[in-house]
Amino acid sequence: MNLGNLTTFCRLTVPSAKSKRITPASLILAINEVVKDINVRMRLLREESKFPTIASQYKYDLSDSSETVERFAKIDKSGLYWNQNTVDNVNWQRLYPRSIKKLDQDFQHWRDLAPGIPIYYFKRGKYLNLYPTPTDDLANGLWLYFIQTPIPMSSNSDFPFGNTIEIPEYQILTDVIVKGVEWWLKPMVGKKEEQMGVFQEYIALIEIKRRILDSKDDVDKARNTKINLKKVC
């Protein structure tokens, strides 16, 4: 469902969206914010990208696409990899996520160590931090798996998550978006006390859709099914 249809549907089904306080621009803003929220919670727009390391530079700006990646929202479960060799002879090693608190507990003087081979990383604000600091410049020295922020919809023909194209797999999320808009608009029409109840319904819908999207057959499952059928026969 495109943005034009979403705004119409929200006006028809969400009581708060019918209020004169909710201008067309406010409704579109709410829809875009909800789409961003769903994207992060469900890890929908999964991306991966390589970017260079710089000698003795320990932090990298994830909000600057010219330095790291484009439209960063959140680090994905696969995390971050470091090329220990060269551009022509790659050797990707996974780095381990650690909080500053954990680093302080386990390695009290980690801030004082000389540059070396990165082992750990942590995110602080908009920065991705490496420890130890890399010793060399290396094109495509880091490989990050992340959730990408969707492009905001502005035209009636734009789609959630895919912008100018509709992602077929995510067509089932229309009711989640509408429920999210209801949650988002409650305080704007003076009904903040109802917001938590709607939020719980919204989260419940997200979990239902997550199970649907995550239910994928794999080779092992198919093989086990055949084996069990054979045993029954």
Protein backbone atom coordinates (compact mmCIF):
# COMPACT_ATOMS: atom_id res chain seq x y z
CA MET A 1 0.00 0.00 0.00
CA ASN A 2 1.49 3.33 -1.04
CA LEU A 3 1.55 6.53 0.99
CA GLY A 4 -1.59 7.96 -0.62
CA ASN A 5 -3.59 4.85 0.25
CA LEU A 6 -2.05 4.67 3.72
CA THR A 7 -3.10 8.22 4.60
CA THR A 8 -6.63 7.54 3.34
CA PHE A 9 -6.84 4.26 5.26
CA CYS A 10 -5.56 5.89 8.45
CA ARG A 11 -8.15 8.67 8.19
CA LEU A 12 -10.89 6.03 7.82
CA THR A 13 -9.82 3.63 10.58
CA VAL A 14 -7.85 5.61 13.20
CA PRO A 15 -10.12 7.89 15.25
CA SER A 16 -7.24 10.22 16.19
CA ALA A 17 -6.38 10.73 12.51
CA LYS A 18 -9.82 12.23 11.89
CA SER A 19 -9.12 15.12 14.26
CA LYS A 20 -8.68 18.59 12.75
CA ARG A 21 -5.47 18.85 14.77
CA ILE A 22 -3.86 16.23 12.53
CA THR A 23 -2.90 18.00 9.33
CA PRO A 24 -1.88 16.01 6.21
CA ALA A 25 1.75 16.87 6.91
CA SER A 26 1.42 15.65 10.53
CA LEU A 27 -0.12 12.37 9.40
CA ILE A 28 2.65 11.74 6.86
CA LEU A 29 5.23 12.52 9.54
CA ALA A 30 3.60 10.00 11.89
CA ILE A 31 3.49 7.32 9.18
CA ASN A 32 7.18 7.81 8.36
CA GLU A 33 8.16 7.68 12.03
CA VAL A 34 6.20 4.47 12.54
CA VAL A 35 7.80 2.88 9.47
CA LYS A 36 11.24 3.70 10.92
CA ASP A 37 10.24 2.18 14.24
CA ILE A 38 8.92 -1.03 12.65
CA ASN A 39 12.04 -1.31 10.52
CA VAL A 40 14.36 -1.24 13.54
CA ARG A 41 12.21 -3.52 15.71
CA MET A 42 11.81 -6.14 12.96
CA ARG A 43 15.23 -5.66 11.34
CA LEU A 44 13.66 -5.38 7.88
CA LEU A 45 16.11 -3.42 5.71
CA ARG A 46 19.23 -5.49 6.31
CA GLU A 47 22.34 -4.25 4.57
CA GLU A 48 26.07 -4.84 4.60
CA SER A 49 28.83 -2.54 3.46
CA LYS A 50 32.62 -2.24 3.54
CA PHE A 51 34.50 0.94 4.35
CA PRO A 52 38.14 1.88 4.93
CA THR A 53 40.14 1.91 8.12
CA ILE A 54 42.52 4.77 8.83
CA ALA A 55 45.77 4.30 10.72
CA SER A 56 45.48 5.35 14.38
CA GLN A 57 41.81 6.32 13.98
CA TYR A 58 39.70 4.52 16.56
CA LYS A 59 36.25 5.98 15.88
CA TYR A 60 34.20 6.11 12.68
CA ASP A 61 31.14 8.28 12.08
CA LEU A 62 28.13 6.10 11.20
CA SER A 63 26.06 9.18 10.32
CA ASP A 64 28.50 10.15 7.54
CA SER A 65 27.98 7.98 4.46
CA SER A 66 31.19 9.31 2.91
CA GLU A 67 33.16 7.86 5.85
CA THR A 68 31.28 4.65 6.66
CA VAL A 69 27.85 3.42 5.47
CA GLU A 70 24.67 4.92 4.04
CA ARG A 71 21.52 5.54 6.16
CA PHE A 72 22.71 3.64 9.23
CA ALA A 73 20.03 2.77 11.81
CA LYS A 74 21.34 -0.12 13.93
CA ILE A 75 24.07 -2.76 13.90
CA ASP A 76 22.63 -6.12 12.81
CA LYS A 77 23.21 -9.41 14.60
CA SER A 78 26.04 -10.44 12.24
CA GLY A 79 28.04 -7.47 13.52
CA LEU A 80 31.41 -6.20 12.33
CA TYR A 81 34.36 -7.86 10.55
CA TRP A 82 37.97 -6.72 10.13
CA ASN A 83 40.29 -7.62 7.24
CA GLN A 84 43.53 -8.71 8.89
CA ASN A 85 45.48 -8.96 5.65
CA THR A 86 45.42 -6.85 2.48
CA VAL A 87 42.94 -5.83 -0.20
CA ASP A 88 44.22 -8.56 -2.50
CA ASN A 89 44.61 -11.23 0.19
CA VAL A 90 41.63 -10.87 2.51
CA ASN A 91 41.24 -12.57 5.87
CA TRP A 92 38.01 -11.50 7.52
CA GLN A 93 37.89 -11.85 11.29
CA ARG A 94 34.82 -11.11 13.35
CA LEU A 95 35.19 -8.40 16.01
CA TYR A 96 33.50 -8.77 19.39
CA PRO A 97 31.01 -6.21 20.72
CA ARG A 98 31.91 -4.85 24.15
CA SER A 99 30.51 -2.00 26.23
CA ILE A 100 32.84 0.62 27.70
CA LYS A 101 31.84 -0.67 31.13
CA LYS A 102 32.92 -4.19 30.21
CA LEU A 103 36.21 -2.97 28.72
CA ASP A 104 36.90 -1.01 31.90
CA GLN A 105 36.23 -4.10 34.00
CA ASP A 106 38.35 -6.49 31.93
CA PHE A 107 41.09 -4.20 30.56
CA GLN A 108 41.55 -1.20 32.86
CA HIS A 109 44.23 0.41 30.69
CA TRP A 110 42.69 -0.29 27.28
CA ARG A 111 42.67 3.43 26.42
CA ASP A 112 46.48 3.57 26.78
CA LEU A 113 47.35 0.69 24.47
CA ALA A 114 49.28 1.29 21.25
CA PRO A 115 47.61 0.67 17.85
CA GLY A 116 47.39 -2.96 16.84
CA ILE A 117 44.93 -5.51 15.47
CA PRO A 118 41.34 -4.59 16.41
CA ILE A 119 39.56 -7.20 18.53
CA TYR A 120 36.57 -5.37 20.04
CA TYR A 121 34.13 -2.67 19.00
CA PHE A 122 31.49 -0.58 20.70
CA LYS A 123 28.99 2.01 19.49
CA ARG A 124 28.70 5.30 21.32
CA GLY A 125 26.29 7.86 19.92
CA LYS A 126 26.91 8.13 16.20
CA TYR A 127 30.43 6.66 16.41
CA LEU A 128 31.68 3.11 15.91
CA ASN A 129 34.78 2.64 18.08
CA LEU A 130 37.53 0.03 17.61
CA TYR A 131 39.90 -1.39 20.20
CA PRO A 132 42.82 -1.66 19.67
CA THR A 133 43.14 1.15 17.13
CA PRO A 134 44.13 -0.04 13.60
CA THR A 135 47.77 0.41 12.65
CA ASP A 136 47.33 0.81 8.87
CA ASP A 137 45.17 2.44 6.24
CA LEU A 138 43.19 -0.19 4.38
CA ALA A 139 40.51 0.26 1.73
CA ASN A 140 37.48 -1.83 2.69
CA GLY A 141 39.17 -2.80 5.95
CA LEU A 142 35.85 -3.05 7.82
CA TRP A 143 32.71 -4.95 6.86
CA LEU A 144 29.56 -3.94 8.75
CA TYR A 145 26.19 -5.69 8.80
CA PHE A 146 23.50 -3.17 9.71
CA ILE A 147 19.87 -2.12 9.52
CA GLN A 148 19.37 0.69 7.03
CA THR A 149 16.98 3.57 7.68
CA PRO A 150 14.15 3.69 5.11
CA ILE A 151 13.91 6.69 2.83
CA PRO A 152 11.04 8.92 4.07
CA MET A 153 7.92 8.86 1.92
CA SER A 154 6.82 12.20 0.50
CA SER A 155 4.91 11.38 -2.68
CA ASN A 156 1.57 9.55 -2.66
CA SER A 157 3.17 6.93 -4.91
CA ASP A 158 5.97 6.14 -2.43
CA PHE A 159 5.94 2.87 -0.49
CA PRO A 160 7.00 2.01 3.06
CA PHE A 161 10.48 0.47 3.27
CA GLY A 162 11.03 0.39 -0.52
CA ASN A 163 10.35 4.05 -1.37
CA THR A 164 9.72 3.98 -5.13
CA ILE A 165 9.09 0.21 -5.21
CA GLU A 166 6.91 -2.00 -3.04
CA ILE A 167 8.66 -4.89 -1.32
CA PRO A 168 6.19 -7.80 -1.74
CA GLU A 169 7.21 -9.55 1.48
CA TYR A 170 6.34 -6.47 3.55
CA GLN A 171 2.85 -5.93 2.13
CA ILE A 172 1.46 -7.76 5.19
CA LEU A 173 2.64 -4.92 7.48
CA THR A 174 -0.09 -2.42 6.60
CA ASP A 175 -2.13 -3.15 9.73
CA VAL A 176 1.01 -2.80 11.87
CA ILE A 177 1.70 0.63 10.36
CA VAL A 178 -1.89 1.74 10.98
CA LYS A 179 -1.80 0.56 14.60
CA GLY A 180 1.53 2.33 15.03
CA VAL A 181 0.04 5.55 13.70
CA GLU A 182 -2.80 5.22 16.22
CA TRP A 183 -0.21 4.85 19.00
CA TRP A 184 1.82 7.80 17.70
CA LEU A 185 -1.15 10.18 17.41
CA LYS A 186 -2.77 9.59 20.83
CA PRO A 187 -0.86 12.37 22.67
CA MET A 188 -1.48 14.82 19.81
CA VAL A 189 -5.23 14.65 20.38
CA GLY A 190 -5.06 14.78 24.19
CA LYS A 191 -5.42 11.04 24.84
CA LYS A 192 -2.00 10.19 26.21
CA GLU A 193 -3.56 7.95 28.87
CA GLU A 194 -4.68 5.59 26.10
CA GLN A 195 -1.28 5.43 24.43
CA MET A 196 0.18 2.52 26.44
CA GLY A 197 -2.72 0.21 25.66
CA VAL A 198 -2.44 0.92 21.93
CA PHE A 199 1.34 0.49 22.13
CA GLN A 200 0.91 -3.01 23.57
CA GLU A 201 -1.44 -3.90 20.70
CA TYR A 202 1.12 -2.51 18.26
CA ILE A 203 3.95 -4.61 19.74
CA ALA A 204 1.74 -7.72 19.72
CA LEU A 205 1.06 -7.20 16.00
CA ILE A 206 4.78 -6.79 15.34
CA GLU A 207 5.48 -10.14 17.02
CA ILE A 208 2.77 -11.88 14.97
CA LYS A 209 4.18 -10.52 11.70
CA ARG A 210 7.74 -11.29 12.79
CA ARG A 211 6.84 -14.95 13.20
CA ILE A 212 5.27 -14.99 9.75
CA LEU A 213 8.28 -13.37 8.09
CA ASP A 214 10.76 -15.56 10.00
CA SER A 215 9.01 -18.85 9.17
CA LYS A 216 11.31 -20.06 6.41
CA ASP A 217 11.90 -23.63 5.39
CA ASP A 218 15.51 -24.72 5.14
CA VAL A 219 17.27 -27.79 3.79
CA ASP A 220 17.56 -29.49 7.18
CA LYS A 221 13.86 -29.04 7.93
CA ALA A 222 12.90 -30.40 4.51
CA ARG A 223 15.26 -33.35 4.94
CA ASN A 224 13.86 -34.16 8.38
CA THR A 225 10.32 -34.05 7.01
CA LYS A 226 11.20 -36.57 4.30
CA ILE A 227 12.92 -38.86 6.79
CA ASN A 228 9.96 -38.80 9.16
CA LEU A 229 7.53 -39.51 6.36
CA LYS A 230 9.67 -42.42 5.25
CA LYS A 231 9.70 -43.87 8.77
CA VAL A 232 5.92 -43.54 9.03
CA CYS A 233 5.42 -45.38 5.76
